[in-house]
């Protein structure tokens, strides 16, 4: 590898570090705000629980945490949780 190419690739990689780090924080902040606006709780309310909601994306097993179609990138949704956007499957 030539020195110039190495320096270009190295500087491009260094320039991407803040972008990648910032985007992760953005998801966390956005999802925290979304959880609050949907009044998400990680306990069921009657028959309302994430595991029987159309928006829930299950984890690897029935008891693993999964995701929610309304909160992209959030993989910490309890199958026993609920929120105001709950819709029966």
N, C-alpha and C. Protein backbone atom coordinates (compact mmCIF):
# COMPACT_ATOMS: atom_id res chain seq x y z
N UNK A 1 0.86 -1.17 0.00
CA UNK A 1 0.00 0.00 0.00
C UNK A 1 0.90 1.23 0.00
N UNK A 2 0.52 2.17 -0.83
CA UNK A 2 1.30 3.41 -0.90
C UNK A 2 0.99 4.31 0.29
N UNK A 3 1.96 5.12 0.63
CA UNK A 3 1.82 5.99 1.80
C UNK A 3 0.64 6.95 1.65
N UNK A 4 0.46 7.53 0.48
CA UNK A 4 -0.65 8.48 0.27
C UNK A 4 -2.01 7.81 0.45
N UNK A 5 -2.13 6.63 -0.11
CA UNK A 5 -3.39 5.89 0.01
C UNK A 5 -3.65 5.54 1.48
N UNK A 6 -2.61 5.12 2.18
CA UNK A 6 -2.73 4.80 3.60
C UNK A 6 -3.19 6.01 4.39
N UNK A 7 -2.59 7.16 4.13
CA UNK A 7 -2.96 8.39 4.85
C UNK A 7 -4.40 8.81 4.53
N UNK A 8 -4.82 8.68 3.28
CA UNK A 8 -6.20 9.03 2.90
C UNK A 8 -7.20 8.13 3.62
N UNK A 9 -6.95 6.83 3.58
CA UNK A 9 -7.86 5.88 4.22
C UNK A 9 -7.88 6.07 5.73
N UNK A 10 -6.71 6.28 6.30
CA UNK A 10 -6.63 6.49 7.74
C UNK A 10 -7.35 7.74 8.19
N UNK A 11 -7.18 8.83 7.44
CA UNK A 11 -7.85 10.08 7.82
C UNK A 11 -9.36 9.97 7.61
N UNK A 12 -9.79 9.25 6.59
CA UNK A 12 -11.23 9.05 6.37
C UNK A 12 -11.83 8.23 7.52
N UNK A 13 -11.10 7.21 7.96
CA UNK A 13 -11.59 6.39 9.07
C UNK A 13 -11.68 7.22 10.35
N UNK A 14 -10.68 8.05 10.60
CA UNK A 14 -10.70 8.91 11.79
C UNK A 14 -11.84 9.92 11.73
N UNK A 15 -12.13 10.41 10.54
CA UNK A 15 -13.21 11.39 10.38
C UNK A 15 -14.58 10.76 10.66
N UNK A 16 -14.71 9.46 10.45
CA UNK A 16 -16.00 8.78 10.64
C UNK A 16 -16.29 8.46 12.11
N UNK A 17 -15.30 8.46 12.97
CA UNK A 17 -15.50 8.10 14.38
C UNK A 17 -16.56 8.97 15.05
N UNK A 18 -16.49 10.31 14.95
CA UNK A 18 -17.53 11.12 15.60
C UNK A 18 -18.92 10.88 15.01
N UNK A 19 -18.99 10.63 13.72
CA UNK A 19 -20.29 10.40 13.06
C UNK A 19 -20.93 9.13 13.62
N UNK A 20 -20.17 8.08 13.71
CA UNK A 20 -20.68 6.81 14.23
C UNK A 20 -21.06 6.95 15.70
N UNK A 21 -20.21 7.58 16.48
CA UNK A 21 -20.49 7.76 17.91
C UNK A 21 -21.73 8.62 18.12
N UNK A 22 -21.88 9.68 17.35
CA UNK A 22 -23.02 10.58 17.49
C UNK A 22 -24.32 9.90 17.09
N UNK A 23 -24.29 9.10 16.03
CA UNK A 23 -25.53 8.44 15.58
C UNK A 23 -26.05 7.47 16.62
N UNK A 24 -25.17 6.79 17.36
CA UNK A 24 -25.61 5.89 18.42
C UNK A 24 -26.31 6.64 19.53
N UNK A 25 -25.78 7.81 19.89
CA UNK A 25 -26.41 8.62 20.93
C UNK A 25 -27.75 9.16 20.45
N UNK A 26 -27.85 9.48 19.18
CA UNK A 26 -29.10 10.00 18.64
C UNK A 26 -30.20 8.96 18.77
N UNK A 27 -29.91 7.69 18.42
CA UNK A 27 -30.90 6.63 18.57
C UNK A 27 -31.33 6.51 20.02
N UNK A 28 -30.37 6.52 20.94
CA UNK A 28 -30.71 6.38 22.36
C UNK A 28 -31.59 7.53 22.83
N UNK A 29 -31.25 8.75 22.44
CA UNK A 29 -32.03 9.92 22.84
C UNK A 29 -33.42 9.88 22.21
N UNK A 30 -33.47 9.56 20.92
CA UNK A 30 -34.75 9.49 20.22
C UNK A 30 -35.64 8.43 20.84
N UNK A 31 -35.10 7.25 21.11
CA UNK A 31 -35.91 6.18 21.67
C UNK A 31 -36.33 6.46 23.09
N UNK A 32 -35.50 7.15 23.87
CA UNK A 32 -35.91 7.52 25.22
C UNK A 32 -37.09 8.48 25.15
N UNK A 33 -37.04 9.41 24.22
CA UNK A 33 -38.14 10.35 24.04
C UNK A 33 -39.39 9.62 23.53
N UNK A 34 -39.19 8.69 22.61
CA UNK A 34 -40.31 7.92 22.07
C UNK A 34 -40.93 7.04 23.15
N UNK A 35 -40.09 6.40 23.97
CA UNK A 35 -40.61 5.58 25.07
C UNK A 35 -41.45 6.43 26.02
N UNK A 36 -40.96 7.62 26.31
CA UNK A 36 -41.69 8.51 27.22
C UNK A 36 -43.01 8.95 26.61
N UNK A 37 -42.99 9.30 25.32
CA UNK A 37 -44.23 9.77 24.69
C UNK A 37 -45.27 8.66 24.55
N UNK A 38 -44.80 7.42 24.40
CA UNK A 38 -45.72 6.27 24.31
C UNK A 38 -46.04 5.68 25.69
N UNK A 39 -45.47 6.27 26.73
CA UNK A 39 -45.66 5.81 28.11
C UNK A 39 -45.33 4.33 28.26
N UNK A 40 -44.18 3.94 27.67
CA UNK A 40 -43.72 2.55 27.74
C UNK A 40 -43.36 2.18 29.17
N UNK A 41 -43.82 1.01 29.60
CA UNK A 41 -43.45 0.42 30.89
C UNK A 41 -43.09 -1.04 30.62
N UNK A 42 -42.13 -1.58 31.36
CA UNK A 42 -41.74 -2.97 31.10
C UNK A 42 -42.47 -3.97 31.99
N UNK A 43 -43.76 -3.70 32.19
CA UNK A 43 -44.65 -4.65 32.87
C UNK A 43 -45.99 -4.62 32.13
N UNK A 44 -46.72 -5.73 32.11
CA UNK A 44 -47.99 -5.76 31.37
C UNK A 44 -49.10 -4.99 32.07
N UNK A 45 -50.11 -4.66 31.29
CA UNK A 45 -51.32 -4.03 31.82
C UNK A 45 -52.49 -4.84 31.31
N UNK A 46 -52.96 -5.76 32.13
CA UNK A 46 -54.03 -6.66 31.69
C UNK A 46 -53.54 -7.52 30.54
N UNK A 47 -54.32 -7.59 29.48
CA UNK A 47 -53.90 -8.37 28.31
C UNK A 47 -52.90 -7.62 27.44
N UNK A 48 -52.73 -6.34 27.70
CA UNK A 48 -51.80 -5.53 26.91
C UNK A 48 -50.36 -5.84 27.31
N UNK A 49 -49.65 -6.50 26.42
CA UNK A 49 -48.22 -6.70 26.61
C UNK A 49 -47.57 -6.80 25.25
N UNK A 50 -46.32 -6.41 25.18
CA UNK A 50 -45.62 -6.32 23.90
C UNK A 50 -45.62 -7.64 23.12
N UNK A 51 -45.53 -8.76 23.82
CA UNK A 51 -45.46 -10.05 23.12
C UNK A 51 -46.70 -10.35 22.29
N UNK A 52 -47.84 -9.72 22.58
CA UNK A 52 -49.03 -9.94 21.74
C UNK A 52 -49.45 -8.66 21.01
N UNK A 53 -48.46 -7.79 20.77
CA UNK A 53 -48.71 -6.54 20.03
C UNK A 53 -48.18 -6.68 18.61
N UNK A 54 -48.88 -6.11 17.67
CA UNK A 54 -48.49 -6.18 16.26
C UNK A 54 -47.18 -5.43 15.99
N UNK A 55 -46.81 -4.47 16.83
CA UNK A 55 -45.60 -3.68 16.63
C UNK A 55 -44.34 -4.37 17.16
N UNK A 56 -44.49 -5.39 18.00
CA UNK A 56 -43.35 -6.03 18.67
C UNK A 56 -42.56 -6.92 17.72
N UNK A 57 -41.23 -6.80 17.79
CA UNK A 57 -40.32 -7.67 17.04
C UNK A 57 -39.64 -8.56 18.08
N UNK A 58 -40.00 -9.84 18.14
CA UNK A 58 -39.49 -10.70 19.21
C UNK A 58 -37.98 -10.89 19.18
N UNK A 59 -37.41 -11.20 20.36
CA UNK A 59 -36.00 -11.54 20.47
C UNK A 59 -35.78 -12.98 20.04
N UNK A 60 -34.61 -13.52 20.36
CA UNK A 60 -34.27 -14.89 19.94
C UNK A 60 -35.17 -15.94 20.57
N UNK A 61 -35.56 -15.73 21.83
CA UNK A 61 -36.48 -16.65 22.49
C UNK A 61 -37.69 -15.85 22.97
N UNK A 62 -38.68 -16.55 23.47
CA UNK A 62 -39.92 -15.88 23.91
C UNK A 62 -39.68 -14.95 25.10
N UNK A 63 -38.64 -15.21 25.88
CA UNK A 63 -38.39 -14.38 27.06
C UNK A 63 -37.32 -13.31 26.83
N UNK A 64 -36.60 -13.38 25.71
CA UNK A 64 -35.58 -12.37 25.40
C UNK A 64 -36.22 -11.04 25.03
N UNK A 65 -35.51 -9.97 25.32
CA UNK A 65 -35.99 -8.65 24.92
C UNK A 65 -35.94 -8.56 23.40
N UNK A 66 -36.84 -7.77 22.85
CA UNK A 66 -36.92 -7.62 21.41
C UNK A 66 -36.94 -6.16 21.02
N UNK A 67 -37.56 -5.87 19.89
CA UNK A 67 -37.63 -4.51 19.40
C UNK A 67 -39.07 -4.09 19.18
N UNK A 68 -39.22 -2.87 18.71
CA UNK A 68 -40.54 -2.33 18.40
C UNK A 68 -40.45 -1.59 17.08
N UNK A 69 -41.42 -1.80 16.22
CA UNK A 69 -41.43 -1.13 14.92
C UNK A 69 -41.52 0.38 15.05
N UNK A 70 -42.03 0.86 16.17
CA UNK A 70 -42.17 2.30 16.37
C UNK A 70 -40.90 2.94 16.93
N UNK A 71 -39.96 2.10 17.39
CA UNK A 71 -38.71 2.60 17.97
C UNK A 71 -37.52 1.93 17.28
N UNK A 72 -37.15 2.39 16.08
CA UNK A 72 -36.08 1.75 15.31
C UNK A 72 -34.76 1.72 16.08
N UNK A 73 -34.10 0.58 16.04
CA UNK A 73 -32.80 0.43 16.68
C UNK A 73 -32.87 0.09 18.16
N UNK A 74 -34.04 0.13 18.76
CA UNK A 74 -34.19 -0.18 20.18
C UNK A 74 -34.42 -1.68 20.32
N UNK A 75 -33.48 -2.37 20.94
CA UNK A 75 -33.59 -3.83 21.11
C UNK A 75 -33.76 -4.20 22.57
N UNK A 76 -34.20 -3.27 23.38
CA UNK A 76 -34.36 -3.50 24.82
C UNK A 76 -35.83 -3.44 25.24
N UNK A 77 -36.73 -3.88 24.37
CA UNK A 77 -38.16 -3.87 24.68
C UNK A 77 -38.54 -5.21 25.30
N UNK A 78 -39.10 -5.16 26.49
CA UNK A 78 -39.50 -6.38 27.20
C UNK A 78 -40.75 -6.98 26.56
N UNK A 79 -40.78 -8.31 26.38
CA UNK A 79 -42.00 -8.93 25.86
C UNK A 79 -43.17 -8.77 26.82
N UNK A 80 -42.88 -8.46 28.08
CA UNK A 80 -43.93 -8.27 29.08
C UNK A 80 -44.31 -6.80 29.25
N UNK A 81 -43.70 -5.91 28.50
CA UNK A 81 -43.99 -4.49 28.62
C UNK A 81 -45.27 -4.10 27.90
N UNK A 82 -45.61 -2.82 27.97
CA UNK A 82 -46.75 -2.30 27.23
C UNK A 82 -46.58 -0.80 27.04
N UNK A 83 -47.34 -0.23 26.12
CA UNK A 83 -47.35 1.22 25.90
C UNK A 83 -48.71 1.62 25.33
N UNK A 84 -48.89 2.90 25.08
CA UNK A 84 -50.17 3.39 24.58
C UNK A 84 -50.42 3.04 23.11
N UNK A 85 -49.38 2.60 22.39
CA UNK A 85 -49.55 2.23 20.98
C UNK A 85 -49.87 0.75 20.81
N UNK A 86 -50.14 0.04 21.89
CA UNK A 86 -50.41 -1.39 21.83
C UNK A 86 -51.58 -1.68 20.90
N UNK A 87 -51.39 -2.66 20.02
CA UNK A 87 -52.45 -3.11 19.10
C UNK A 87 -52.37 -4.63 19.02
N UNK A 88 -53.47 -5.30 19.31
CA UNK A 88 -53.50 -6.76 19.35
C UNK A 88 -53.13 -7.36 18.00
N UNK A 89 -52.34 -8.46 18.05
CA UNK A 89 -51.97 -9.19 16.83
C UNK A 89 -53.19 -9.82 16.21
